[in-house]
Amino acid sequence: MRNKYIIVLICFLFTIGFTAYSQNEGAVIMNLDECIRYGLENSELVNISKLEIEKQKAYVGEITAEGLPQIDATADLSKNLKLQTTFIPAIFFDPNAEEGEVAPVTFGTPYSGLAGINASQMIFNGSYFVGLNAARTLKELTTKEHIQTKRDVVEAIQKAYYYVLVSEVSYRTVQLNYDRLDSLLRETKIMHENGFTEKIEVSRTQVQFNNIKTNLENSRRELEYSKDVLKFHIGMPLETNLQIADKFSGFNINFSNYVIEDADGRHRIEEEILEIQKQLATLDLKNNHVQYLPTLDLYFGLGANAGTLTSKELFSFNDDNWFGYRMVGISATLPIFDGLRKAKKIQQNRINIAQIELQQKNLERSIDNEIKDTKILLQNSLEELKNQQENVQLAEEVYNIARIKYQEGVGSSIEVMDADNEFKRAQTNYYNALLSTLINKVNYEKALGVLMDEYN
């Protein structure tokens, strides 16, 4: 008989191992750090912000190009289908012409051509230098926003990963509850067949068993959904078989030793972004000031023009038909009065800077409140987690005692069912507290600005 039980146990363990192997066969197994690094490489949001940085680099090059020499070539070949008539005083041709009389005269040639190269070089333009500085600052702003996007993605991945972790351990617990009720149902049926219990006891147990079957299927669906959420945030195809590598016990140990301390010299990317926005507003103010200054440009032109009676002569390109020209000069523009347009722009700039300074003060106070709030929530959830863990242990003890009493004939199935319900309720409360603690941990680290430290 003993050998028979050993063989059954070996077969049972082999079945569990084969099932686990089948589930992991072809699966992608990743821990939290691997999920985060995968997400930072494959998340659409992160890649969009990367492209934005590249776009701003190109924009800086575009602004820089405006200060370099500008050279272009022009060419024009045309045929005058009908020359334009010009009217001049007739006295130039006929001294006897009456005063006021005009004579129609046609000037020009049927064919004309023009070809040249023009070059210009900016000598001084205050707006150019301010704009170049602003473009570089805008590129820096885009880089900071990219870091903010990465932080938000890391936050979403961590929360999704913890959701999978809790869903997985919850599913396993429901499986254990299913096995426990299945065993209890079989025992109750045997006791009823032997006359040790009434039919109603079997019915009560059957109701509980039917409920746990539904709960098991719901728990399985929730686990699959949580994995889909995680795959979405890390940019992984939904058809991929993703399995998490971390186990619940490791997180439990971490929480038992978790110490809440405010980080020295907090670092929030939002503060840096707002400071750069203030720099951009200041540069805009400076740009409007320098527009009161003159602009200077140097220009140079080189080319030739022609006018012929036939197209053959036009395309001969010899010195008899084409006559060259050269010119060099400097142009200056001095703004005098623009209807106070620049003055109003400067007024708007100053108001904008004042608004940003107020936003900085408000952000600083908001961060202080956020740190305090998330710290309190994490402390409360840690305490709640500890209490719910004790409740699970107590509820399990109560259930085990009630079941032993029932098996020995000194207890009722109602007592067992009540104990089972309390045990499952304690488990549910514990997993809710666990997920809440994990989420509050992420929120607290985000408030302190340390969520992205190891991934920057």
Protein backbone atom coordinates (compact mmCIF):
# COMPACT_ATOMS: atom_id res chain seq x y z
CA MET A 1 0.00 0.00 0.00
CA ARG A 2 2.84 2.35 0.88
CA ASN A 3 4.51 1.73 -2.50
CA LYS A 4 1.23 2.52 -4.19
CA TYR A 5 1.09 5.96 -2.57
CA ILE A 6 4.71 6.65 -3.49
CA ILE A 7 4.00 5.84 -7.14
CA VAL A 8 0.95 8.12 -7.13
CA LEU A 9 2.96 10.95 -5.57
CA ILE A 10 5.73 10.59 -8.16
CA CYS A 11 3.20 10.68 -11.00
CA PHE A 12 1.57 13.77 -9.48
CA LEU A 13 4.89 15.62 -9.22
CA PHE A 14 5.81 14.60 -12.76
CA THR A 15 2.51 15.96 -14.04
CA ILE A 16 3.06 19.33 -12.33
CA GLY A 17 6.57 19.57 -13.71
CA PHE A 18 5.47 18.67 -17.23
CA THR A 19 2.66 21.23 -17.08
CA ALA A 20 5.06 23.96 -15.95
CA TYR A 21 7.50 23.00 -18.71
CA SER A 22 4.72 23.09 -21.30
CA GLN A 23 3.66 26.55 -20.19
CA ASN A 24 7.23 27.90 -20.39
CA GLU A 25 8.15 26.14 -23.63
CA GLY A 26 8.72 28.83 -26.24
CA ALA A 27 8.01 31.54 -23.67
CA VAL A 28 9.95 34.75 -23.17
CA ILE A 29 10.93 34.87 -19.50
CA MET A 30 11.86 38.33 -18.20
CA ASN A 31 12.37 39.92 -14.81
CA LEU A 32 11.42 43.48 -13.95
CA ASP A 33 14.74 45.01 -15.00
CA GLU A 34 14.66 43.17 -18.32
CA CYS A 35 11.09 44.33 -18.98
CA ILE A 36 12.07 47.94 -18.32
CA ARG A 37 15.13 47.79 -20.58
CA TYR A 38 13.10 46.06 -23.29
CA GLY A 39 10.43 48.75 -22.99
CA LEU A 40 12.95 51.60 -23.22
CA GLU A 41 14.14 50.11 -26.51
CA ASN A 42 10.79 49.17 -28.03
CA SER A 43 8.14 51.49 -26.59
CA GLU A 44 6.54 53.60 -29.31
CA LEU A 45 6.38 56.59 -26.95
CA VAL A 46 10.11 56.43 -26.22
CA ASN A 47 11.00 56.05 -29.89
CA ILE A 48 8.76 58.97 -30.84
CA SER A 49 10.60 61.18 -28.35
CA LYS A 50 13.94 59.92 -29.70
CA LEU A 51 12.90 61.00 -33.20
CA GLU A 52 11.89 64.38 -31.78
CA ILE A 53 15.46 64.85 -30.55
CA GLU A 54 16.80 64.07 -34.02
CA LYS A 55 14.32 66.53 -35.51
CA GLN A 56 15.52 69.27 -33.17
CA LYS A 57 19.13 68.53 -34.11
CA ALA A 58 18.20 69.09 -37.75
CA TYR A 59 16.38 72.31 -36.75
CA VAL A 60 19.55 73.64 -35.10
CA GLY A 61 21.38 72.92 -38.36
CA GLU A 62 18.68 74.79 -40.28
CA ILE A 63 19.06 77.89 -38.10
CA THR A 64 22.87 77.69 -38.31
CA ALA A 65 22.68 77.59 -42.12
CA GLU A 66 21.02 81.01 -42.21
CA GLY A 67 24.28 82.60 -41.05
CA LEU A 68 26.38 80.93 -43.74
CA PRO A 69 26.93 82.35 -47.25
CA GLN A 70 23.86 82.07 -49.45
CA ILE A 71 24.70 81.42 -53.13
CA ASP A 72 22.29 80.84 -55.98
CA ALA A 73 22.45 80.82 -59.77
CA THR A 74 19.84 82.21 -62.16
CA ALA A 75 19.28 81.80 -65.88
CA ASP A 76 16.61 83.22 -68.16
CA LEU A 77 16.20 82.79 -71.92
CA SER A 78 13.17 84.33 -73.58
CA LYS A 79 11.65 85.27 -76.94
CA ASN A 80 9.64 88.43 -77.23
CA LEU A 81 6.67 87.48 -79.36
CA LYS A 82 5.78 91.13 -79.63
CA LEU A 83 7.98 93.91 -78.34
CA GLN A 84 6.39 96.46 -76.07
CA THR A 85 5.84 99.93 -77.53
CA THR A 86 7.17 102.98 -75.71
CA PHE A 87 5.99 106.55 -76.31
CA ILE A 88 8.41 109.48 -76.35
CA PRO A 89 8.03 113.12 -77.48
CA ALA A 90 7.99 113.28 -81.30
CA ILE A 91 10.25 116.35 -81.25
CA PHE A 92 13.22 114.00 -80.60
CA PHE A 93 12.76 112.61 -84.11
CA ASP A 94 11.17 115.54 -85.92
CA PRO A 95 12.06 119.12 -84.89
CA ASN A 96 9.01 120.32 -86.76
CA ALA A 97 6.64 118.15 -84.78
CA GLU A 98 3.93 119.90 -82.87
CA GLU A 99 4.30 120.38 -79.12
CA GLY A 100 2.72 117.55 -77.16
CA GLU A 101 2.88 115.12 -80.05
CA VAL A 102 4.34 111.70 -79.17
CA ALA A 103 5.89 109.04 -81.31
CA PRO A 104 5.51 105.29 -80.69
CA VAL A 105 8.87 103.57 -80.51
CA THR A 106 9.73 99.91 -80.05
CA PHE A 107 12.94 99.00 -78.19
CA GLY A 108 14.50 95.59 -77.67
CA THR A 109 15.36 92.45 -79.55
CA PRO A 110 13.29 89.38 -80.32
CA TYR A 111 15.57 87.19 -78.21
CA SER A 112 17.10 88.00 -74.82
CA GLY A 113 19.05 86.11 -72.18
CA LEU A 114 20.32 86.55 -68.65
CA ALA A 115 22.60 84.33 -66.52
CA GLY A 116 24.24 85.10 -63.24
CA ILE A 117 25.44 84.02 -59.79
CA ASN A 118 24.40 85.96 -56.70
CA ALA A 119 25.90 85.59 -53.24
CA SER A 120 25.10 87.18 -49.90
CA GLN A 121 26.61 86.99 -46.44
CA MET A 122 25.04 88.09 -43.19
CA ILE A 123 27.30 90.52 -41.36
CA PHE A 124 25.12 91.37 -38.39
CA ASN A 125 21.62 90.30 -37.40
CA GLY A 126 20.82 90.20 -33.70
CA SER A 127 17.83 87.91 -34.18
CA TYR A 128 20.02 85.28 -35.86
CA PHE A 129 22.34 84.83 -32.89
CA VAL A 130 19.46 84.82 -30.41
CA GLY A 131 17.56 82.36 -32.63
CA LEU A 132 20.57 80.04 -32.82
CA ASN A 133 20.83 80.04 -29.03
CA ALA A 134 17.08 79.41 -28.76
CA ALA A 135 17.29 76.46 -31.17
CA ARG A 136 19.99 74.85 -29.03
CA THR A 137 17.94 75.47 -25.91
CA LEU A 138 14.90 73.94 -27.60
CA LYS A 139 16.99 70.86 -28.39
CA GLU A 140 17.92 70.64 -24.70
CA LEU A 141 14.23 70.92 -23.80
CA THR A 142 13.42 68.05 -26.16
CA THR A 143 16.13 65.94 -24.49
CA LYS A 144 14.61 66.59 -21.05
CA GLU A 145 11.16 65.74 -22.35
CA HIS A 146 12.61 62.48 -23.69
CA ILE A 147 13.84 61.66 -20.17
CA GLN A 148 10.37 62.47 -18.82
CA THR A 149 8.81 60.13 -21.38
CA LYS A 150 11.22 57.37 -20.36
CA ARG A 151 10.32 57.92 -16.71
CA ASP A 152 6.61 57.67 -17.48
CA VAL A 153 7.21 54.46 -19.43
CA VAL A 154 9.26 53.00 -16.56
CA GLU A 155 6.46 53.90 -14.16
CA ALA A 156 3.83 52.22 -16.35
CA ILE A 157 5.99 49.10 -16.83
CA GLN A 158 6.66 48.72 -13.11
CA LYS A 159 2.98 49.02 -12.24
CA ALA A 160 2.01 46.59 -15.01
CA TYR A 161 4.71 44.13 -13.89
CA TYR A 162 3.50 44.24 -10.29
CA TYR A 163 -0.03 43.71 -11.56
CA VAL A 164 1.14 40.51 -13.28
CA LEU A 165 3.04 39.44 -10.17
CA VAL A 166 0.02 39.81 -7.89
CA SER A 167 -2.33 38.30 -10.47
CA GLU A 168 -0.06 35.29 -10.83
CA VAL A 169 0.22 34.56 -7.12
CA SER A 170 -3.51 35.19 -6.74
CA TYR A 171 -4.23 32.68 -9.50
CA ARG A 172 -2.04 30.08 -7.82
CA THR A 173 -3.84 30.67 -4.54
CA VAL A 174 -7.23 30.21 -6.21
CA GLN A 175 -5.90 26.96 -7.66
CA LEU A 176 -4.96 25.80 -4.17
CA ASN A 177 -8.42 26.81 -2.92
CA TYR A 178 -9.94 24.85 -5.80
CA ASP A 179 -7.92 21.76 -4.88
CA ARG A 180 -8.83 22.16 -1.21
CA LEU A 181 -12.56 22.42 -1.93
CA ASP A 182 -12.36 19.58 -4.43
CA SER A 183 -10.85 17.38 -1.73
CA LEU A 184 -13.42 18.56 0.81
CA LEU A 185 -16.27 17.86 -1.61
CA ARG A 186 -15.05 14.31 -2.21
CA GLU A 187 -14.67 13.72 1.53
CA THR A 188 -18.15 15.09 2.20
CA LYS A 189 -19.66 12.82 -0.45
CA ILE A 190 -17.92 9.80 1.06
CA MET A 191 -19.13 10.75 4.54
CA HIS A 192 -22.67 11.14 3.18
CA GLU A 193 -22.52 7.76 1.47
CA ASN A 194 -21.44 6.21 4.77
CA GLY A 195 -24.23 7.96 6.66
CA PHE A 196 -22.05 10.34 8.64
CA THR A 197 -23.49 13.53 7.19
CA GLU A 198 -26.65 14.79 5.56
CA LYS A 199 -27.29 15.56 1.89
CA ILE A 200 -27.47 19.28 2.64
CA GLU A 201 -23.81 19.20 3.67
CA VAL A 202 -22.89 17.88 0.23
CA SER A 203 -25.01 20.58 -1.44
CA ARG A 204 -23.39 23.37 0.56
CA THR A 205 -19.93 22.12 -0.35
CA GLN A 206 -20.97 21.72 -3.98
CA VAL A 207 -22.11 25.36 -4.10
CA GLN A 208 -18.76 26.49 -2.75
CA PHE A 209 -16.95 24.30 -5.24
CA ASN A 210 -18.96 25.68 -8.16
CA ASN A 211 -18.11 29.21 -7.07
CA ILE A 212 -14.41 28.46 -6.84
CA LYS A 213 -14.49 26.98 -10.36
CA THR A 214 -15.84 30.29 -11.64
CA ASN A 215 -13.29 32.23 -9.59
CA LEU A 216 -10.48 30.10 -10.99
CA GLU A 217 -11.49 30.87 -14.59
CA ASN A 218 -11.90 34.58 -13.80
CA SER A 219 -8.50 34.63 -12.13
CA ARG A 220 -6.93 32.97 -15.17
CA ARG A 221 -8.45 35.60 -17.48
CA GLU A 222 -7.26 38.41 -15.22
CA LEU A 223 -3.73 36.98 -15.27
CA GLU A 224 -3.72 36.84 -19.09
CA TYR A 225 -5.09 40.37 -19.28
CA SER A 226 -2.41 41.66 -16.89
CA LYS A 227 0.27 40.12 -19.12
CA ASP A 228 -1.26 41.80 -22.17
CA VAL A 229 -1.11 45.14 -20.36
CA LEU A 230 2.55 44.56 -19.56
CA LYS A 231 3.33 43.55 -23.16
CA PHE A 232 1.59 46.70 -24.40
CA HIS A 233 3.68 48.99 -22.20
CA ILE A 234 7.00 47.37 -23.13
CA GLY A 235 6.16 47.34 -26.85
CA MET A 236 6.03 43.56 -27.17
CA PRO A 237 3.63 41.83 -29.63
CA LEU A 238 0.53 40.61 -27.78
CA GLU A 239 0.84 37.12 -29.26
CA THR A 240 4.18 36.62 -27.47
CA ASN A 241 4.13 34.12 -24.59
CA LEU A 242 5.55 36.31 -21.82
CA GLN A 243 6.37 34.88 -18.40
CA ILE A 244 7.75 36.90 -15.50
CA ALA A 245 10.86 35.60 -13.76
CA ASP A 246 10.45 37.23 -10.34
CA LYS A 247 8.67 35.39 -7.57
CA PHE A 248 6.36 36.76 -4.96
CA SER A 249 8.57 35.67 -2.04
CA GLY A 250 11.40 37.97 -3.12
CA PHE A 251 9.16 41.04 -3.10
CA ASN A 252 7.72 40.01 0.24
CA ILE A 253 11.22 39.99 1.76
CA ASN A 254 11.98 43.41 0.28
CA PHE A 255 8.85 44.88 1.78
CA SER A 256 9.53 43.47 5.21
CA ASN A 257 12.80 45.46 5.26
CA TYR A 258 11.57 48.52 3.36
CA VAL A 259 12.74 51.78 4.91
CA ILE A 260 11.12 55.04 3.85
CA GLU A 261 13.57 57.89 3.60
CA ASP A 262 13.29 61.14 1.68
CA ALA A 263 16.02 61.38 -0.94
CA ASP A 264 18.64 64.07 -0.37
CA GLY A 265 18.51 66.71 -3.08
CA ARG A 266 15.46 65.48 -4.89
CA HIS A 267 15.61 65.48 -8.67
CA ARG A 268 12.44 66.08 -10.66
CA ILE A 269 12.65 66.41 -14.42
CA GLU A 270 9.57 68.68 -14.39
CA GLU A 271 11.62 71.36 -12.61
CA GLU A 272 14.34 71.19 -15.26
CA ILE A 273 11.80 71.39 -18.07
CA LEU A 274 10.17 74.47 -16.55
CA GLU A 275 13.57 76.12 -16.10
CA ILE A 276 14.40 75.56 -19.78
CA GLN A 277 11.01 76.98 -20.75
CA LYS A 278 11.92 80.07 -18.74
CA GLN A 279 15.22 80.29 -20.66
CA LEU A 280 13.32 80.12 -23.96
CA ALA A 281 10.96 82.87 -22.83
CA THR A 282 13.96 85.01 -21.84
CA LEU A 283 15.55 84.43 -25.25
CA ASP A 284 12.30 85.45 -26.93
CA LEU A 285 12.39 88.68 -24.90
CA LYS A 286 15.99 89.25 -25.97
CA ASN A 287 15.08 88.61 -29.60
CA ASN A 288 12.43 91.30 -29.53
CA HIS A 289 14.96 93.74 -28.00
CA VAL A 290 17.63 93.14 -30.65
CA GLN A 291 15.12 93.76 -33.42
CA TYR A 292 15.58 97.49 -32.66
CA LEU A 293 19.17 97.15 -33.96
CA PRO A 294 20.10 97.48 -37.64
CA THR A 295 20.93 94.51 -39.86
CA LEU A 296 23.88 94.40 -42.26
CA ASP A 297 24.34 92.12 -45.28
CA LEU A 298 27.10 91.89 -47.88
CA TYR A 299 26.11 90.89 -51.40
CA PHE A 300 27.91 90.12 -54.67
CA GLY A 301 26.65 89.44 -58.18
CA LEU A 302 28.29 88.10 -61.33
CA GLY A 303 26.65 87.39 -64.69
CA ALA A 304 25.97 88.31 -68.31
CA ASN A 305 23.03 89.35 -70.47
CA ALA A 306 22.30 89.26 -74.16
CA GLY A 307 19.86 90.53 -76.78
CA THR A 308 19.83 89.13 -80.33
CA LEU A 309 17.72 89.13 -83.47
CA THR A 310 17.91 85.35 -83.93
CA SER A 311 17.96 82.38 -81.58
CA LYS A 312 21.17 81.15 -83.24
CA GLU A 313 22.96 84.27 -82.18
CA LEU A 314 21.56 83.97 -78.64
CA PHE A 315 22.88 80.43 -78.21
CA SER A 316 26.27 81.18 -79.73
CA PHE A 317 27.48 82.45 -76.32
CA ASN A 318 30.25 84.61 -77.73
CA ASP A 319 31.52 87.94 -76.50
CA ASP A 320 29.81 89.77 -79.37
CA ASN A 321 26.35 88.77 -78.09
CA TRP A 322 26.81 88.34 -74.34
CA PHE A 323 28.01 91.16 -72.10
CA GLY A 324 29.16 90.51 -68.55
CA TYR A 325 28.49 92.47 -65.38
CA ARG A 326 29.77 92.43 -61.78
CA MET A 327 28.56 94.14 -58.65
CA VAL A 328 29.31 94.17 -54.93
CA GLY A 329 27.56 96.05 -52.17
CA ILE A 330 26.41 96.21 -48.60
CA SER A 331 22.86 96.74 -47.42
CA ALA A 332 21.66 98.02 -44.09
CA THR A 333 18.19 98.11 -42.59
CA LEU A 334 17.33 100.25 -39.59
CA PRO A 335 13.83 99.90 -38.09
CA ILE A 336 12.35 103.26 -37.17
CA PHE A 337 8.70 102.80 -36.20
CA ASP A 338 6.51 99.68 -36.30
CA GLY A 339 3.42 100.94 -34.56
CA LEU A 340 4.75 99.77 -31.14
CA ARG A 341 4.46 96.13 -32.26
CA LYS A 342 7.82 95.12 -30.75
CA ALA A 343 7.07 97.00 -27.53
CA LYS A 344 3.86 95.01 -27.08
CA LYS A 345 5.71 91.79 -27.80
CA ILE A 346 8.26 92.65 -25.11
CA GLN A 347 5.42 93.33 -22.68
CA GLN A 348 3.99 89.87 -23.44
CA ASN A 349 7.43 88.30 -22.97
CA ARG A 350 7.80 89.78 -19.50
CA ILE A 351 4.35 88.59 -18.50
CA ASN A 352 5.17 85.10 -19.80
CA ILE A 353 8.39 84.99 -17.74
CA ALA A 354 6.48 86.09 -14.64
CA GLN A 355 3.93 83.32 -15.22
CA ILE A 356 6.68 80.69 -15.53
CA GLU A 357 8.27 81.89 -12.29
CA LEU A 358 4.93 81.46 -10.54
CA GLN A 359 4.58 78.01 -12.11
CA GLN A 360 8.01 77.11 -10.71
CA LYS A 361 6.94 78.10 -7.20
CA ASN A 362 3.68 76.19 -7.58
CA LEU A 363 5.51 73.11 -8.89
CA GLU A 364 7.93 73.18 -5.97
CA ARG A 365 5.07 73.26 -3.46
CA SER A 366 3.20 70.56 -5.40
CA ILE A 367 6.23 68.28 -5.31
CA ASP A 368 6.57 68.80 -1.55
CA ASN A 369 2.92 67.83 -1.08
CA GLU A 370 3.25 64.89 -3.47
CA ILE A 371 6.22 63.51 -1.53
CA LYS A 372 4.36 63.81 1.77
CA ASP A 373 1.16 62.28 0.36
CA THR A 374 2.84 59.33 -1.34
CA LYS A 375 5.00 58.70 1.73
CA ILE A 376 1.92 58.53 3.96
CA LEU A 377 0.10 56.28 1.50
CA LEU A 378 3.08 53.93 1.32
CA GLN A 379 3.44 53.81 5.10
CA ASN A 380 -0.28 53.08 5.46
CA SER A 381 -0.22 50.39 2.79
CA LEU A 382 2.83 48.73 4.35
CA GLU A 383 1.02 48.58 7.68
CA GLU A 384 -2.12 47.29 5.98
CA LEU A 385 -0.07 44.66 4.16
CA LYS A 386 1.43 43.47 7.44
CA ASN A 387 -2.01 43.24 9.06
CA GLN A 388 -3.56 41.40 6.12
CA GLN A 389 -0.67 38.94 6.10
CA GLU A 390 -1.38 38.12 9.75
CA ASN A 391 -5.09 37.82 8.95
CA VAL A 392 -4.34 35.26 6.23
CA GLN A 393 -2.33 33.16 8.66
CA LEU A 394 -5.06 33.35 11.31
CA ALA A 395 -7.83 32.60 8.81
CA GLU A 396 -5.90 29.58 7.55
CA GLU A 397 -5.49 28.29 11.09
CA VAL A 398 -9.22 28.74 11.74
CA TYR A 399 -10.03 26.88 8.52
CA ASN A 400 -7.70 23.99 9.33
CA ILE A 401 -9.19 23.63 12.82
CA ALA A 402 -12.75 23.74 11.46
CA ARG A 403 -11.94 21.10 8.86
CA ILE A 404 -10.30 18.78 11.40
CA LYS A 405 -13.31 19.12 13.68
CA TYR A 406 -15.60 18.34 10.73
CA GLN A 407 -13.57 15.28 9.76
CA GLU A 408 -13.69 14.04 13.33
CA GLY A 409 -17.43 14.52 13.48
CA VAL A 410 -17.46 17.27 16.11
CA GLY A 411 -18.01 20.17 13.68
CA SER A 412 -20.45 21.12 10.92
CA SER A 413 -19.95 21.87 7.26
CA ILE A 414 -21.39 25.35 7.86
CA GLU A 415 -18.50 26.08 10.17
CA VAL A 416 -16.08 24.82 7.51
CA MET A 417 -17.74 26.89 4.78
CA ASP A 418 -17.68 30.02 6.92
CA ALA A 419 -14.03 29.46 7.72
CA ASP A 420 -13.29 28.86 4.04
CA ASN A 421 -15.06 32.09 3.05
CA GLU A 422 -13.14 34.06 5.65
CA PHE A 423 -9.89 32.47 4.48
CA LYS A 424 -10.55 33.44 0.86
CA ARG A 425 -11.65 36.92 1.89
CA ALA A 426 -8.43 37.37 3.87
CA GLN A 427 -6.43 36.23 0.86
CA THR A 428 -8.23 38.68 -1.42
CA ASN A 429 -7.64 41.54 1.02
CA TYR A 430 -3.99 40.58 1.28
CA TYR A 431 -3.45 40.61 -2.48
CA ASN A 432 -5.25 43.94 -2.79
CA ALA A 433 -3.00 45.34 -0.07
CA LEU A 434 0.06 43.89 -1.80
CA LEU A 435 -0.80 45.48 -5.15
CA SER A 436 -1.63 48.78 -3.44
CA THR A 437 1.73 48.72 -1.65
CA LEU A 438 3.63 48.02 -4.85
CA ILE A 439 1.83 50.84 -6.69
CA ASN A 440 2.38 53.26 -3.80
CA LYS A 441 6.07 52.33 -3.79
CA VAL A 442 6.33 53.34 -7.46
CA ASN A 443 4.42 56.58 -6.82
CA TYR A 444 6.68 57.46 -3.90
CA GLU A 445 9.86 56.84 -5.90
CA LYS A 446 8.44 58.95 -8.71
CA ALA A 447 7.67 61.78 -6.25
CA LEU A 448 11.25 61.68 -4.99
CA GLY A 449 12.58 61.70 -8.55
CA VAL A 450 14.55 58.45 -8.15
CA LEU A 451 12.42 56.22 -10.36
CA MET A 452 14.73 56.60 -13.37
CA ASP A 453 18.12 56.81 -11.63
CA GLU A 454 19.55 53.50 -12.84
CA TYR A 455 18.16 53.89 -16.39
CA ASN A 456 19.41 57.41 -17.20
